[in-house]
Amino acid sequence: MPTVKNVKYKIIRTRNTESTLNEENSCRASMIIRLNKGQLIRQISDCEISYHDRNMIAGIRYGVLGMRCGEIRELTIPPHLAYGELGVPDLIPPDSVLKVQVKVKQIIG
């Protein structure tokens, strides 16, 4: 499985468009976030992901680098690039690996 900055990914669907997501642009995307064992955490139908946005977990910001518009990836995000040893009380246990399916809808910039 390939990696981008310690985030493993599997391409579910690819597109042959010219532009790719990099550290200088952002994208509109949808996401399904699950624990490694499959428990659904959250579905997001529309959000903006930017490499420089510190409100988005690092594993997602890193994992979308190189994606093309219309591409779908499944990211496997280690705890240190997600919620770490603290987790999120009553939602994400400490040291959890996350599985995130991301679809890039539009590349901005």
N, C-alpha and C. Protein backbone atom coordinates (compact mmCIF):
# COMPACT_ATOMS: atom_id res chain seq x y z
N MET A 1 0.85 -1.18 0.00
CA MET A 1 0.00 0.00 0.00
C MET A 1 0.90 1.24 0.00
N PRO A 2 0.70 2.18 -0.93
CA PRO A 2 1.52 3.39 -0.97
C PRO A 2 1.27 4.28 0.26
N THR A 3 2.19 5.18 0.52
CA THR A 3 2.02 6.12 1.63
C THR A 3 2.33 7.54 1.18
N VAL A 4 1.70 8.49 1.88
CA VAL A 4 2.01 9.91 1.74
C VAL A 4 2.24 10.42 3.15
N LYS A 5 3.46 10.80 3.48
CA LYS A 5 3.81 11.34 4.80
C LYS A 5 3.28 10.45 5.94
N ASN A 6 3.53 9.16 5.87
CA ASN A 6 3.16 8.16 6.88
C ASN A 6 1.68 7.81 6.91
N VAL A 7 0.92 8.23 5.93
CA VAL A 7 -0.49 7.84 5.81
C VAL A 7 -0.59 6.84 4.66
N LYS A 8 -1.05 5.63 4.97
CA LYS A 8 -1.23 4.62 3.92
C LYS A 8 -2.53 4.93 3.18
N TYR A 9 -2.56 4.60 1.90
CA TYR A 9 -3.79 4.82 1.15
C TYR A 9 -3.98 3.76 0.08
N LYS A 10 -5.25 3.57 -0.25
CA LYS A 10 -5.64 2.68 -1.34
C LYS A 10 -6.54 3.49 -2.25
N ILE A 11 -6.25 3.49 -3.55
CA ILE A 11 -7.08 4.22 -4.50
C ILE A 11 -8.29 3.36 -4.83
N ILE A 12 -9.48 3.90 -4.54
CA ILE A 12 -10.73 3.21 -4.83
C ILE A 12 -11.16 3.51 -6.26
N ARG A 13 -11.05 4.79 -6.63
CA ARG A 13 -11.39 5.21 -8.00
C ARG A 13 -10.44 6.34 -8.38
N THR A 14 -9.90 6.25 -9.57
CA THR A 14 -8.97 7.29 -10.03
C THR A 14 -9.59 8.06 -11.19
N ARG A 15 -9.04 9.20 -11.45
CA ARG A 15 -9.46 10.04 -12.58
C ARG A 15 -8.21 10.51 -13.30
N ASN A 16 -8.33 10.70 -14.60
CA ASN A 16 -7.20 11.16 -15.40
C ASN A 16 -7.31 12.64 -15.71
N THR A 17 -7.43 13.45 -14.69
CA THR A 17 -7.44 14.89 -14.89
C THR A 17 -6.03 15.42 -14.68
N GLU A 18 -5.75 16.59 -15.22
CA GLU A 18 -4.40 17.13 -15.16
C GLU A 18 -4.00 17.61 -13.78
N SER A 19 -4.84 18.39 -13.13
CA SER A 19 -4.43 19.00 -11.87
C SER A 19 -4.53 18.01 -10.71
N THR A 20 -3.56 18.12 -9.81
CA THR A 20 -3.54 17.31 -8.60
C THR A 20 -3.46 18.21 -7.39
N LEU A 21 -3.93 17.71 -6.30
CA LEU A 21 -3.92 18.46 -5.05
C LEU A 21 -2.49 18.50 -4.49
N ASN A 22 -2.04 19.70 -4.14
CA ASN A 22 -0.71 19.84 -3.57
C ASN A 22 -0.77 20.74 -2.34
N GLU A 23 0.37 21.09 -1.80
CA GLU A 23 0.43 21.89 -0.58
C GLU A 23 -0.01 23.33 -0.79
N GLU A 24 -0.12 23.77 -2.03
CA GLU A 24 -0.46 25.17 -2.32
C GLU A 24 -1.93 25.40 -2.64
N ASN A 25 -2.70 24.35 -2.89
CA ASN A 25 -4.13 24.55 -3.18
C ASN A 25 -4.97 23.79 -2.16
N SER A 26 -6.26 23.84 -2.31
CA SER A 26 -7.17 23.15 -1.40
C SER A 26 -8.24 22.44 -2.23
N CYS A 27 -9.15 21.75 -1.57
CA CYS A 27 -10.19 21.04 -2.32
C CYS A 27 -11.49 21.01 -1.53
N ARG A 28 -12.58 20.81 -2.26
CA ARG A 28 -13.88 20.47 -1.69
C ARG A 28 -13.94 18.96 -1.72
N ALA A 29 -14.41 18.36 -0.64
CA ALA A 29 -14.40 16.90 -0.56
C ALA A 29 -15.55 16.40 0.31
N SER A 30 -15.81 15.10 0.19
CA SER A 30 -16.70 14.40 1.12
C SER A 30 -15.87 13.32 1.79
N MET A 31 -16.27 12.93 3.01
CA MET A 31 -15.50 11.95 3.78
C MET A 31 -16.41 11.05 4.59
N ILE A 32 -15.97 9.82 4.77
CA ILE A 32 -16.58 8.90 5.71
C ILE A 32 -15.45 8.48 6.65
N ILE A 33 -15.62 8.78 7.93
CA ILE A 33 -14.57 8.51 8.91
C ILE A 33 -15.02 7.35 9.80
N ARG A 34 -14.16 6.33 9.89
CA ARG A 34 -14.44 5.14 10.70
C ARG A 34 -13.23 4.79 11.56
N LEU A 35 -13.50 4.07 12.64
CA LEU A 35 -12.41 3.47 13.39
C LEU A 35 -11.88 2.31 12.55
N ASN A 36 -10.68 1.87 12.85
CA ASN A 36 -10.05 0.79 12.09
C ASN A 36 -10.92 -0.47 12.04
N LYS A 37 -11.70 -0.72 13.07
CA LYS A 37 -12.56 -1.91 13.11
C LYS A 37 -13.89 -1.70 12.40
N GLY A 38 -14.11 -0.51 11.84
CA GLY A 38 -15.29 -0.28 11.02
C GLY A 38 -16.38 0.58 11.62
N GLN A 39 -16.31 0.90 12.91
CA GLN A 39 -17.35 1.72 13.55
C GLN A 39 -17.38 3.12 12.94
N LEU A 40 -18.57 3.52 12.46
CA LEU A 40 -18.73 4.84 11.85
C LEU A 40 -18.58 5.93 12.90
N ILE A 41 -17.73 6.90 12.61
CA ILE A 41 -17.54 8.06 13.47
C ILE A 41 -18.32 9.26 12.93
N ARG A 42 -18.15 9.51 11.63
CA ARG A 42 -18.78 10.70 11.06
C ARG A 42 -18.80 10.62 9.54
N GLN A 43 -19.86 11.14 8.93
CA GLN A 43 -19.94 11.32 7.49
C GLN A 43 -20.03 12.81 7.23
N ILE A 44 -19.21 13.29 6.30
CA ILE A 44 -19.19 14.70 5.95
C ILE A 44 -19.44 14.79 4.45
N SER A 45 -20.53 15.45 4.06
CA SER A 45 -20.86 15.49 2.64
C SER A 45 -20.12 16.58 1.88
N ASP A 46 -19.69 17.63 2.58
CA ASP A 46 -18.98 18.72 1.91
C ASP A 46 -18.11 19.47 2.90
N CYS A 47 -16.82 19.50 2.64
CA CYS A 47 -15.90 20.28 3.48
C CYS A 47 -14.73 20.73 2.61
N GLU A 48 -13.98 21.68 3.13
CA GLU A 48 -12.78 22.14 2.44
C GLU A 48 -11.57 21.59 3.17
N ILE A 49 -10.64 21.03 2.41
CA ILE A 49 -9.41 20.50 2.98
C ILE A 49 -8.25 21.30 2.40
N SER A 50 -7.45 21.85 3.30
CA SER A 50 -6.27 22.61 2.91
C SER A 50 -5.08 22.06 3.71
N TYR A 51 -3.95 21.93 3.05
CA TYR A 51 -2.75 21.42 3.71
C TYR A 51 -2.37 22.28 4.93
N HIS A 52 -2.67 23.56 4.89
CA HIS A 52 -2.26 24.48 5.94
C HIS A 52 -3.31 24.68 7.04
N ASP A 53 -4.48 24.03 6.93
CA ASP A 53 -5.55 24.19 7.91
C ASP A 53 -5.31 23.29 9.11
N ARG A 54 -4.90 23.86 10.21
CA ARG A 54 -4.57 23.09 11.41
C ARG A 54 -5.81 22.59 12.16
N ASN A 55 -7.02 22.97 11.70
CA ASN A 55 -8.24 22.44 12.31
C ASN A 55 -8.60 21.06 11.76
N MET A 56 -7.99 20.66 10.65
CA MET A 56 -8.21 19.35 10.04
C MET A 56 -7.09 18.44 10.54
N ILE A 57 -7.42 17.18 10.87
CA ILE A 57 -6.36 16.30 11.37
C ILE A 57 -5.28 16.11 10.30
N ALA A 58 -4.05 16.00 10.77
CA ALA A 58 -2.90 15.94 9.88
C ALA A 58 -2.99 14.79 8.89
N GLY A 59 -3.44 13.63 9.33
CA GLY A 59 -3.51 12.47 8.44
C GLY A 59 -4.38 12.68 7.22
N ILE A 60 -5.45 13.44 7.38
CA ILE A 60 -6.30 13.75 6.22
C ILE A 60 -5.61 14.76 5.32
N ARG A 61 -5.03 15.80 5.90
CA ARG A 61 -4.32 16.81 5.10
C ARG A 61 -3.20 16.17 4.29
N TYR A 62 -2.46 15.27 4.89
CA TYR A 62 -1.36 14.61 4.19
C TYR A 62 -1.88 13.59 3.17
N GLY A 63 -2.90 12.85 3.55
CA GLY A 63 -3.40 11.75 2.72
C GLY A 63 -4.03 12.16 1.41
N VAL A 64 -4.50 13.40 1.30
CA VAL A 64 -5.12 13.85 0.06
C VAL A 64 -4.11 14.42 -0.94
N LEU A 65 -2.87 14.62 -0.51
CA LEU A 65 -1.87 15.17 -1.43
C LEU A 65 -1.73 14.27 -2.65
N GLY A 66 -1.76 14.86 -3.81
CA GLY A 66 -1.62 14.12 -5.06
C GLY A 66 -2.93 13.62 -5.64
N MET A 67 -4.04 13.80 -4.92
CA MET A 67 -5.33 13.34 -5.45
C MET A 67 -5.79 14.23 -6.59
N ARG A 68 -6.62 13.66 -7.45
CA ARG A 68 -7.20 14.37 -8.58
C ARG A 68 -8.69 14.54 -8.36
N CYS A 69 -9.29 15.50 -9.03
CA CYS A 69 -10.73 15.74 -8.93
C CYS A 69 -11.48 14.47 -9.34
N GLY A 70 -12.40 14.01 -8.50
CA GLY A 70 -13.16 12.80 -8.77
C GLY A 70 -12.55 11.54 -8.19
N GLU A 71 -11.31 11.62 -7.74
CA GLU A 71 -10.64 10.45 -7.17
C GLU A 71 -11.19 10.13 -5.79
N ILE A 72 -11.21 8.84 -5.45
CA ILE A 72 -11.61 8.39 -4.13
C ILE A 72 -10.46 7.55 -3.56
N ARG A 73 -10.07 7.87 -2.33
CA ARG A 73 -9.03 7.11 -1.63
C ARG A 73 -9.56 6.66 -0.27
N GLU A 74 -9.04 5.52 0.17
CA GLU A 74 -9.24 5.11 1.55
C GLU A 74 -7.91 5.32 2.27
N LEU A 75 -7.93 6.19 3.26
CA LEU A 75 -6.72 6.51 4.03
C LEU A 75 -6.70 5.68 5.30
N THR A 76 -5.54 5.18 5.67
CA THR A 76 -5.34 4.53 6.96
C THR A 76 -4.42 5.45 7.75
N ILE A 77 -4.99 6.09 8.78
CA ILE A 77 -4.28 7.15 9.49
C ILE A 77 -3.85 6.65 10.86
N PRO A 78 -2.53 6.67 11.13
CA PRO A 78 -2.04 6.22 12.44
C PRO A 78 -2.43 7.22 13.53
N PRO A 79 -2.47 6.76 14.79
CA PRO A 79 -2.91 7.62 15.89
C PRO A 79 -2.16 8.95 16.00
N HIS A 80 -0.85 8.94 15.76
CA HIS A 80 -0.08 10.18 15.94
C HIS A 80 -0.42 11.24 14.89
N LEU A 81 -1.12 10.86 13.82
CA LEU A 81 -1.57 11.83 12.81
C LEU A 81 -3.09 12.03 12.88
N ALA A 82 -3.70 11.50 13.95
CA ALA A 82 -5.15 11.65 14.15
C ALA A 82 -5.38 12.27 15.54
N TYR A 83 -5.93 11.49 16.46
CA TYR A 83 -6.27 12.02 17.78
C TYR A 83 -5.35 11.54 18.89
N GLY A 84 -4.31 10.79 18.53
CA GLY A 84 -3.24 10.43 19.45
C GLY A 84 -3.66 9.65 20.67
N GLU A 85 -2.86 9.78 21.71
CA GLU A 85 -3.08 9.02 22.93
C GLU A 85 -4.25 9.52 23.76
N LEU A 86 -4.79 10.67 23.43
CA LEU A 86 -5.95 11.19 24.15
C LEU A 86 -7.27 10.72 23.55
N GLY A 87 -7.32 10.57 22.23
CA GLY A 87 -8.57 10.24 21.57
C GLY A 87 -9.57 11.38 21.71
N VAL A 88 -10.84 11.06 21.57
CA VAL A 88 -11.93 12.02 21.80
C VAL A 88 -12.90 11.32 22.74
N PRO A 89 -13.09 11.85 23.96
CA PRO A 89 -13.95 11.17 24.93
C PRO A 89 -15.32 10.80 24.36
N ASP A 90 -15.73 9.58 24.63
CA ASP A 90 -17.02 9.03 24.21
C ASP A 90 -17.20 8.91 22.70
N LEU A 91 -16.12 9.07 21.92
CA LEU A 91 -16.23 8.96 20.47
C LEU A 91 -15.09 8.15 19.86
N ILE A 92 -13.86 8.55 20.14
CA ILE A 92 -12.69 7.89 19.57
C ILE A 92 -11.76 7.47 20.71
N PRO A 93 -11.53 6.16 20.87
CA PRO A 93 -10.64 5.68 21.93
C PRO A 93 -9.21 6.17 21.74
N PRO A 94 -8.44 6.24 22.82
CA PRO A 94 -7.03 6.61 22.71
C PRO A 94 -6.28 5.68 21.75
N ASP A 95 -5.29 6.23 21.08
CA ASP A 95 -4.41 5.48 20.17
C ASP A 95 -5.16 4.74 19.06
N SER A 96 -6.21 5.33 18.54
CA SER A 96 -7.01 4.70 17.48
C SER A 96 -6.46 4.99 16.09
N VAL A 97 -6.45 3.94 15.27
CA VAL A 97 -6.17 4.08 13.84
C VAL A 97 -7.50 4.42 13.18
N LEU A 98 -7.50 5.39 12.27
CA LEU A 98 -8.71 5.78 11.56
C LEU A 98 -8.65 5.31 10.11
N LYS A 99 -9.81 4.95 9.57
CA LYS A 99 -9.98 4.67 8.14
C LYS A 99 -10.88 5.78 7.61
N VAL A 100 -10.40 6.51 6.64
CA VAL A 100 -11.15 7.64 6.10
C VAL A 100 -11.26 7.48 4.59
N GLN A 101 -12.48 7.43 4.09
CA GLN A 101 -12.70 7.42 2.64
C GLN A 101 -12.96 8.85 2.21
N VAL A 102 -12.13 9.34 1.31
CA VAL A 102 -12.21 10.73 0.86
C VAL A 102 -12.48 10.76 -0.64
N LYS A 103 -13.42 11.61 -1.05
CA LYS A 103 -13.66 11.86 -2.47
C LYS A 103 -13.45 13.34 -2.72
N VAL A 104 -12.52 13.65 -3.62
CA VAL A 104 -12.25 15.05 -4.00
C VAL A 104 -13.28 15.45 -5.05
N LYS A 105 -14.05 16.49 -4.73
CA LYS A 105 -15.09 16.98 -5.64
C LYS A 105 -14.58 18.14 -6.52
N GLN A 106 -13.69 18.95 -5.97
CA GLN A 106 -13.21 20.13 -6.70
C GLN A 106 -11.87 20.54 -6.14
N ILE A 107 -10.93 20.88 -7.00
CA ILE A 107 -9.65 21.44 -6.56
C ILE A 107 -9.73 22.95 -6.71
N ILE A 108 -9.35 23.64 -5.64
CA ILE A 108 -9.46 25.11 -5.58
C ILE A 108 -8.05 25.70 -5.61
N GLY A 109 -7.84 26.61 -6.54
CA GLY A 109 -6.56 27.32 -6.60
C GLY A 109 -5.61 26.64 -7.49
